[in-house]
Amino acid sequence: MNEQAQELKKKIIQKILSKEAVERLGRVRLTKPELAEQVEMYLLQLYKAGKLKGEVSDEQLKAVLEALTTKKEFRIIK
């Protein structure tokens, strides 16, 4: 992604997330940058499809993070 596209993505994310959610996503980016990228792409898809009604709260962001992380987990049962 070029620099202009990155800047546009950042502006849209800041527009659709609450202040607390932006801060949480920033902390996630420090520890799991690939997860933060997944969340941003998911939110951008929802935004472009017009499925986001209002601002995404911290609680809603937590739910998205949990949903995306539980998809990848698997257990080996003996």
PDB file of N, CA and C in Angstrom:
ATOM      1  N   MET A   1       0.852  -1.181   0.000  1.00  0.00           N
ATOM      2  CA  MET A   1       0.000   0.000   0.000  1.00  0.00           C
ATOM      3  C   MET A   1       0.893   1.239   0.000  1.00  0.00           C
ATOM      4  N   ASN A   2       0.552   2.191  -0.844  1.00  0.00           N
ATOM      5  CA  ASN A   2       1.398   3.387  -0.883  1.00  0.00           C
ATOM      6  C   ASN A   2       1.089   4.324   0.289  1.00  0.00           C
ATOM      7  N   GLU A   3       1.904   5.338   0.402  1.00  0.00           N
ATOM      8  CA  GLU A   3       1.811   6.245   1.550  1.00  0.00           C
ATOM      9  C   GLU A   3       0.478   6.983   1.601  1.00  0.00           C
ATOM     10  N   GLN A   4      -0.035   7.393   0.435  1.00  0.00           N
ATOM     11  CA  GLN A   4      -1.315   8.104   0.398  1.00  0.00           C
ATOM     12  C   GLN A   4      -2.452   7.207   0.875  1.00  0.00           C
ATOM     13  N   ALA A   5      -2.445   5.974   0.422  1.00  0.00           N
ATOM     14  CA  ALA A   5      -3.493   5.031   0.818  1.00  0.00           C
ATOM     15  C   ALA A   5      -3.423   4.750   2.316  1.00  0.00           C
ATOM     16  N   GLN A   6      -2.210   4.631   2.842  1.00  0.00           N
ATOM     17  CA  GLN A   6      -2.035   4.400   4.283  1.00  0.00           C
ATOM     18  C   GLN A   6      -2.597   5.578   5.087  1.00  0.00           C
ATOM     19  N   GLU A   7      -2.308   6.780   4.623  1.00  0.00           N
ATOM     20  CA  GLU A   7      -2.784   7.980   5.317  1.00  0.00           C
ATOM     21  C   GLU A   7      -4.313   8.058   5.284  1.00  0.00           C
ATOM     22  N   LEU A   8      -4.903   7.729   4.134  1.00  0.00           N
ATOM     23  CA  LEU A   8      -6.355   7.741   3.998  1.00  0.00           C
ATOM     24  C   LEU A   8      -6.978   6.697   4.920  1.00  0.00           C
ATOM     25  N   LYS A   9      -6.384   5.507   4.963  1.00  0.00           N
ATOM     26  CA  LYS A   9      -6.874   4.439   5.837  1.00  0.00           C
ATOM     27  C   LYS A   9      -6.828   4.891   7.295  1.00  0.00           C
ATOM     28  N   LYS A  10      -5.729   5.521   7.688  1.00  0.00           N
ATOM     29  CA  LYS A  10      -5.570   5.997   9.061  1.00  0.00           C
ATOM     30  C   LYS A  10      -6.650   7.030   9.409  1.00  0.00           C
ATOM     31  N   LYS A  11      -6.936   7.948   8.489  1.00  0.00           N
ATOM     32  CA  LYS A  11      -7.957   8.975   8.734  1.00  0.00           C
ATOM     33  C   LYS A  11      -9.339   8.355   8.890  1.00  0.00           C
ATOM     34  N   ILE A  12      -9.641   7.378   8.037  1.00  0.00           N
ATOM     35  CA  ILE A  12     -10.955   6.731   8.117  1.00  0.00           C
ATOM     36  C   ILE A  12     -11.093   5.966   9.425  1.00  0.00           C
ATOM     37  N   ILE A  13     -10.051   5.241   9.806  1.00  0.00           N
ATOM     38  CA  ILE A  13     -10.084   4.484  11.063  1.00  0.00           C
ATOM     39  C   ILE A  13     -10.307   5.431  12.240  1.00  0.00           C
ATOM     40  N   GLN A  14      -9.611   6.549  12.259  1.00  0.00           N
ATOM     41  CA  GLN A  14      -9.782   7.512  13.348  1.00  0.00           C
ATOM     42  C   GLN A  14     -11.179   8.120  13.337  1.00  0.00           C
ATOM     43  N   LYS A  15     -11.782   8.213  12.171  1.00  0.00           N
ATOM     44  CA  LYS A  15     -13.124   8.771  12.047  1.00  0.00           C
ATOM     45  C   LYS A  15     -14.178   7.795  12.575  1.00  0.00           C
ATOM     46  N   ILE A  16     -13.991   6.500  12.326  1.00  0.00           N
ATOM     47  CA  ILE A  16     -15.029   5.534  12.679  1.00  0.00           C
ATOM     48  C   ILE A  16     -14.872   4.942  14.077  1.00  0.00           C
ATOM     49  N   LEU A  17     -13.700   5.095  14.689  1.00  0.00           N
ATOM     50  CA  LEU A  17     -13.479   4.546  16.028  1.00  0.00           C
ATOM     51  C   LEU A  17     -13.576   5.639  17.089  1.00  0.00           C
ATOM     52  N   SER A  18     -14.062   5.257  18.262  1.00  0.00           N
ATOM     53  CA  SER A  18     -14.051   6.186  19.390  1.00  0.00           C
ATOM     54  C   SER A  18     -12.598   6.410  19.814  1.00  0.00           C
ATOM     55  N   LYS A  19     -12.375   7.424  20.635  1.00  0.00           N
ATOM     56  CA  LYS A  19     -11.015   7.732  21.091  1.00  0.00           C
ATOM     57  C   LYS A  19     -10.398   6.537  21.820  1.00  0.00           C
ATOM     58  N   GLU A  20     -11.200   5.905  22.683  1.00  0.00           N
ATOM     59  CA  GLU A  20     -10.713   4.753  23.441  1.00  0.00           C
ATOM     60  C   GLU A  20     -10.373   3.586  22.514  1.00  0.00           C
ATOM     61  N   ALA A  21     -11.192   3.386  21.498  1.00  0.00           N
ATOM     62  CA  ALA A  21     -10.957   2.292  20.551  1.00  0.00           C
ATOM     63  C   ALA A  21      -9.690   2.547  19.730  1.00  0.00           C
ATOM     64  N   VAL A  22      -9.441   3.800  19.361  1.00  0.00           N
ATOM     65  CA  VAL A  22      -8.210   4.141  18.633  1.00  0.00           C
ATOM     66  C   VAL A  22      -6.999   3.823  19.497  1.00  0.00           C
ATOM     67  N   GLU A  23      -7.077   4.175  20.772  1.00  0.00           N
ATOM     68  CA  GLU A  23      -5.975   3.899  21.697  1.00  0.00           C
ATOM     69  C   GLU A  23      -5.752   2.394  21.844  1.00  0.00           C
ATOM     70  N   ARG A  24      -6.839   1.630  21.963  1.00  0.00           N
ATOM     71  CA  ARG A  24      -6.723   0.178  22.102  1.00  0.00           C
ATOM     72  C   ARG A  24      -6.097  -0.424  20.845  1.00  0.00           C
ATOM     73  N   LEU A  25      -6.535   0.015  19.690  1.00  0.00           N
ATOM     74  CA  LEU A  25      -5.989  -0.504  18.441  1.00  0.00           C
ATOM     75  C   LEU A  25      -4.499  -0.177  18.337  1.00  0.00           C
ATOM     76  N   GLY A  26      -4.104   0.977  18.817  1.00  0.00           N
ATOM     77  CA  GLY A  26      -2.687   1.346  18.834  1.00  0.00           C
ATOM     78  C   GLY A  26      -1.871   0.421  19.721  1.00  0.00           C
ATOM     79  N   ARG A  27      -2.434   0.057  20.869  1.00  0.00           N
ATOM     80  CA  ARG A  27      -1.735  -0.877  21.765  1.00  0.00           C
ATOM     81  C   ARG A  27      -1.653  -2.272  21.146  1.00  0.00           C
ATOM     82  N   VAL A  28      -2.720  -2.678  20.472  1.00  0.00           N
ATOM     83  CA  VAL A  28      -2.710  -3.980  19.797  1.00  0.00           C
ATOM     84  C   VAL A  28      -1.635  -3.984  18.706  1.00  0.00           C
ATOM     85  N   ARG A  29      -1.529  -2.872  17.986  1.00  0.00           N
ATOM     86  CA  ARG A  29      -0.533  -2.767  16.910  1.00  0.00           C
ATOM     87  C   ARG A  29       0.890  -2.965  17.440  1.00  0.00           C
ATOM     88  N   LEU A  30       1.159  -2.515  18.659  1.00  0.00           N
ATOM     89  CA  LEU A  30       2.489  -2.676  19.242  1.00  0.00           C
ATOM     90  C   LEU A  30       2.827  -4.139  19.504  1.00  0.00           C
ATOM     91  N   THR A  31       1.839  -4.917  19.924  1.00  0.00           N
ATOM     92  CA  THR A  31       2.101  -6.309  20.277  1.00  0.00           C
ATOM     93  C   THR A  31       1.798  -7.288  19.143  1.00  0.00           C
ATOM     94  N   LYS A  32       0.750  -6.994  18.371  1.00  0.00           N
ATOM     95  CA  LYS A  32       0.340  -7.893  17.288  1.00  0.00           C
ATOM     96  C   LYS A  32      -0.031  -7.077  16.048  1.00  0.00           C
ATOM     97  N   PRO A  33       0.972  -6.604  15.315  1.00  0.00           N
ATOM     98  CA  PRO A  33       0.689  -5.741  14.164  1.00  0.00           C
ATOM     99  C   PRO A  33      -0.183  -6.405  13.095  1.00  0.00           C
ATOM    100  N   GLU A  34      -0.043  -7.717  12.906  1.00  0.00           N
ATOM    101  CA  GLU A  34      -0.853  -8.399  11.894  1.00  0.00           C
ATOM    102  C   GLU A  34      -2.328  -8.445  12.296  1.00  0.00           C
ATOM    103  N   LEU A  35      -2.609  -8.570  13.586  1.00  0.00           N
ATOM    104  CA  LEU A  35      -3.985  -8.552  14.072  1.00  0.00           C
ATOM    105  C   LEU A  35      -4.586  -7.152  13.906  1.00  0.00           C
ATOM    106  N   ALA A  36      -3.816  -6.129  14.224  1.00  0.00           N
ATOM    107  CA  ALA A  36      -4.297  -4.752  14.059  1.00  0.00           C
ATOM    108  C   ALA A  36      -4.626  -4.479  12.595  1.00  0.00           C
ATOM    109  N   GLU A  37      -3.800  -4.981  11.693  1.00  0.00           N
ATOM    110  CA  GLU A  37      -4.040  -4.806  10.251  1.00  0.00           C
ATOM    111  C   GLU A  37      -5.326  -5.518   9.828  1.00  0.00           C
ATOM    112  N   GLN A  38      -5.548  -6.707  10.361  1.00  0.00           N
ATOM    113  CA  GLN A  38      -6.773  -7.460  10.064  1.00  0.00           C
ATOM    114  C   GLN A  38      -8.009  -6.692  10.530  1.00  0.00           C
ATOM    115  N   VAL A  39      -7.927  -6.165  11.733  1.00  0.00           N
ATOM    116  CA  VAL A  39      -9.052  -5.418  12.297  1.00  0.00           C
ATOM    117  C   VAL A  39      -9.336  -4.183  11.447  1.00  0.00           C
ATOM    118  N   GLU A  40      -8.295  -3.468  11.058  1.00  0.00           N
ATOM    119  CA  GLU A  40      -8.477  -2.277  10.231  1.00  0.00           C
ATOM    120  C   GLU A  40      -9.126  -2.628   8.898  1.00  0.00           C
ATOM    121  N   MET A  41      -8.667  -3.689   8.266  1.00  0.00           N
ATOM    122  CA  MET A  41      -9.235  -4.083   6.977  1.00  0.00           C
ATOM    123  C   MET A  41     -10.708  -4.477   7.134  1.00  0.00           C
ATOM    124  N   TYR A  42     -11.018  -5.189   8.200  1.00  0.00           N
ATOM    125  CA  TYR A  42     -12.400  -5.584   8.479  1.00  0.00           C
ATOM    126  C   TYR A  42     -13.289  -4.350   8.678  1.00  0.00           C
ATOM    127  N   LEU A  43     -12.821  -3.416   9.495  1.00  0.00           N
ATOM    128  CA  LEU A  43     -13.596  -2.207   9.752  1.00  0.00           C
ATOM    129  C   LEU A  43     -13.763  -1.363   8.492  1.00  0.00           C
ATOM    130  N   LEU A  44     -12.715  -1.294   7.682  1.00  0.00           N
ATOM    131  CA  LEU A  44     -12.806  -0.539   6.425  1.00  0.00           C
ATOM    132  C   LEU A  44     -13.816  -1.172   5.474  1.00  0.00           C
ATOM    133  N   GLN A  45     -13.862  -2.494   5.434  1.00  0.00           N
ATOM    134  CA  GLN A  45     -14.851  -3.181   4.590  1.00  0.00           C
ATOM    135  C   GLN A  45     -16.266  -2.853   5.046  1.00  0.00           C
ATOM    136  N   LEU A  46     -16.486  -2.883   6.353  1.00  0.00           N
ATOM    137  CA  LEU A  46     -17.802  -2.540   6.889  1.00  0.00           C
ATOM    138  C   LEU A  46     -18.156  -1.086   6.569  1.00  0.00           C
ATOM    139  N   TYR A  47     -17.177  -0.209   6.711  1.00  0.00           N
ATOM    140  CA  TYR A  47     -17.385   1.212   6.442  1.00  0.00           C
ATOM    141  C   TYR A  47     -17.758   1.431   4.972  1.00  0.00           C
ATOM    142  N   LYS A  48     -17.000   0.813   4.083  1.00  0.00           N
ATOM    143  CA  LYS A  48     -17.255   0.971   2.644  1.00  0.00           C
ATOM    144  C   LYS A  48     -18.598   0.388   2.231  1.00  0.00           C
ATOM    145  N   ALA A  49     -19.033  -0.661   2.928  1.00  0.00           N
ATOM    146  CA  ALA A  49     -20.321  -1.287   2.623  1.00  0.00           C
ATOM    147  C   ALA A  49     -21.489  -0.538   3.274  1.00  0.00           C
ATOM    148  N   GLY A  50     -21.170   0.475   4.095  1.00  0.00           N
ATOM    149  CA  GLY A  50     -22.211   1.258   4.755  1.00  0.00           C
ATOM    150  C   GLY A  50     -22.862   0.535   5.923  1.00  0.00           C
ATOM    151  N   LYS A  51     -22.174  -0.447   6.479  1.00  0.00           N
ATOM    152  CA  LYS A  51     -22.748  -1.241   7.563  1.00  0.00           C
ATOM    153  C   LYS A  51     -22.409  -0.716   8.950  1.00  0.00           C
ATOM    154  N   LEU A  52     -21.604   0.308   9.035  1.00  0.00           N
ATOM    155  CA  LEU A  52     -21.280   0.891  10.339  1.00  0.00           C
ATOM    156  C   LEU A  52     -22.243   2.029  10.621  1.00  0.00           C
ATOM    157  N   LYS A  53     -22.951   1.877  11.710  1.00  0.00           N
ATOM    158  CA  LYS A  53     -23.887   2.924  12.134  1.00  0.00           C
ATOM    159  C   LYS A  53     -23.272   3.641  13.326  1.00  0.00           C
ATOM    160  N   GLY A  54     -22.754   4.818  13.095  1.00  0.00           N
ATOM    161  CA  GLY A  54     -22.136   5.578  14.175  1.00  0.00           C
ATOM    162  C   GLY A  54     -20.713   5.119  14.454  1.00  0.00           C
ATOM    163  N   GLU A  55     -20.219   5.584  15.572  1.00  0.00           N
ATOM    164  CA  GLU A  55     -18.839   5.330  15.966  1.00  0.00           C
ATOM    165  C   GLU A  55     -18.694   3.938  16.582  1.00  0.00           C
ATOM    166  N   VAL A  56     -17.576   3.273  16.306  1.00  0.00           N
ATOM    167  CA  VAL A  56     -17.289   1.969  16.901  1.00  0.00           C
ATOM    168  C   VAL A  56     -16.680   2.213  18.285  1.00  0.00           C
ATOM    169  N   SER A  57     -17.341   1.679  19.302  1.00  0.00           N
ATOM    170  CA  SER A  57     -16.887   1.896  20.678  1.00  0.00           C
ATOM    171  C   SER A  57     -15.756   0.936  21.029  1.00  0.00           C
ATOM    172  N   ASP A  58     -15.161   1.171  22.178  1.00  0.00           N
ATOM    173  CA  ASP A  58     -14.101   0.303  22.676  1.00  0.00           C
ATOM    174  C   ASP A  58     -14.637  -1.110  22.894  1.00  0.00           C
ATOM    175  N   GLU A  59     -15.840  -1.217  23.425  1.00  0.00           N
ATOM    176  CA  GLU A  59     -16.460  -2.532  23.666  1.00  0.00           C
ATOM    177  C   GLU A  59     -16.674  -3.274  22.347  1.00  0.00           C
ATOM    178  N   GLN A  60     -17.132  -2.575  21.319  1.00  0.00           N
ATOM    179  CA  GLN A  60     -17.335  -3.203  20.020  1.00  0.00           C
ATOM    180  C   GLN A  60     -16.001  -3.645  19.420  1.00  0.00           C
ATOM    181  N   LEU A  61     -14.979  -2.834  19.594  1.00  0.00           N
ATOM    182  CA  LEU A  61     -13.656  -3.195  19.091  1.00  0.00           C
ATOM    183  C   LEU A  61     -13.136  -4.430  19.813  1.00  0.00           C
ATOM    184  N   LYS A  62     -13.371  -4.507  21.122  1.00  0.00           N
ATOM    185  CA  LYS A  62     -12.970  -5.692  21.890  1.00  0.00           C
ATOM    186  C   LYS A  62     -13.628  -6.939  21.310  1.00  0.00           C
ATOM    187  N   ALA A  63     -14.916  -6.831  20.970  1.00  0.00           N
ATOM    188  CA  ALA A  63     -15.643  -7.969  20.408  1.00  0.00           C
ATOM    189  C   ALA A  63     -15.055  -8.392  19.065  1.00  0.00           C
ATOM    190  N   VAL A  64     -14.690  -7.432  18.240  1.00  0.00           N
ATOM    191  CA  VAL A  64     -14.071  -7.739  16.945  1.00  0.00           C
ATOM    192  C   VAL A  64     -12.724  -8.419  17.168  1.00  0.00           C
ATOM    193  N   LEU A  65     -11.927  -7.882  18.077  1.00  0.00           N
ATOM    194  CA  LEU A  65     -10.619  -8.476  18.374  1.00  0.00           C
ATOM    195  C   LEU A  65     -10.771  -9.911  18.871  1.00  0.00           C
ATOM    196  N   GLU A  66     -11.732 -10.116  19.746  1.00  0.00           N
ATOM    197  CA  GLU A  66     -11.948 -11.454  20.279  1.00  0.00           C
ATOM    198  C   GLU A  66     -12.394 -12.416  19.176  1.00  0.00           C
ATOM    199  N   ALA A  67     -13.282 -11.954  18.320  1.00  0.00           N
ATOM    200  CA  ALA A  67     -13.766 -12.810  17.230  1.00  0.00           C
ATOM    201  C   ALA A  67     -12.634 -13.182  16.280  1.00  0.00           C
ATOM    202  N   LEU A  68     -11.779 -12.235  15.963  1.00  0.00           N
ATOM    203  CA  LEU A  68     -10.682 -12.516  15.040  1.00  0.00           C
ATOM    204  C   LEU A  68      -9.607 -13.397  15.668  1.00  0.00           C
ATOM    205  N   THR A  69      -9.395 -13.282  16.956  1.00  0.00           N
ATOM    206  CA  THR A  69      -8.366 -14.113  17.588  1.00  0.00           C
ATOM    207  C   THR A  69      -8.864 -15.519  17.863  1.00  0.00           C
ATOM    208  N   THR A  70     -10.145 -15.691  18.165  1.00  0.00           N
ATOM    209  CA  THR A  70     -10.650 -17.036  18.441  1.00  0.00           C
ATOM    210  C   THR A  70     -10.761 -17.859  17.166  1.00  0.00           C
ATOM    211  N   LYS A  71     -10.883 -17.236  16.024  1.00  0.00           N
ATOM    212  CA  LYS A  71     -10.927 -17.963  14.753  1.00  0.00           C
ATOM    213  C   LYS A  71      -9.638 -18.731  14.516  1.00  0.00           C
ATOM    214  N   LYS A  72      -8.525 -18.171  14.943  1.00  0.00           N
ATOM    215  CA  LYS A  72      -7.222 -18.753  14.657  1.00  0.00           C
ATOM    216  C   LYS A  72      -6.801 -19.805  15.671  1.00  0.00           C
ATOM    217  N   GLU A  73      -7.432 -19.814  16.834  1.00  0.00           N
ATOM    218  CA  GLU A  73      -7.035 -20.753  17.871  1.00  0.00           C
ATOM    219  C   GLU A  73      -7.591 -22.135  17.563  1.00  0.00           C
ATOM    220  N   PHE A  74      -6.799 -23.110  17.865  1.00  0.00           N
ATOM    221  CA  PHE A  74      -7.274 -24.474  17.728  1.00  0.00           C
ATOM    222  C   PHE A  74      -6.688 -25.290  18.865  1.00  0.00           C
ATOM    223  N   ARG A  75      -7.347 -26.384  19.183  1.00  0.00           N
ATOM    224  CA  ARG A  75      -6.905 -27.212  20.298  1.00  0.00           C
ATOM    225  C   ARG A  75      -6.704 -28.635  19.799  1.00  0.00           C
ATOM    226  N   ILE A  76      -5.710 -29.247  20.342  1.00  0.00           N
ATOM    227  CA  ILE A  76      -5.471 -30.655  20.050  1.00  0.00           C
ATOM    228  C   ILE A  76      -6.036 -31.439  21.218  1.00  0.00           C
ATOM    229  N   ILE A  77      -7.015 -32.255  20.931  1.00  0.00           N
ATOM    230  CA  ILE A  77      -7.670 -33.031  21.980  1.00  0.00           C
ATOM    231  C   ILE A  77      -7.175 -34.468  21.877  1.00  0.00           C
ATOM    232  N   LYS A  78      -6.688 -34.968  22.986  1.00  0.00           N
ATOM    233  CA  LYS A  78      -6.188 -36.359  23.001  1.00  0.00           C
ATOM    234  C   LYS A  78      -7.233 -37.293  23.552  1.00  0.00           C
TER     235      LYS A  78
END
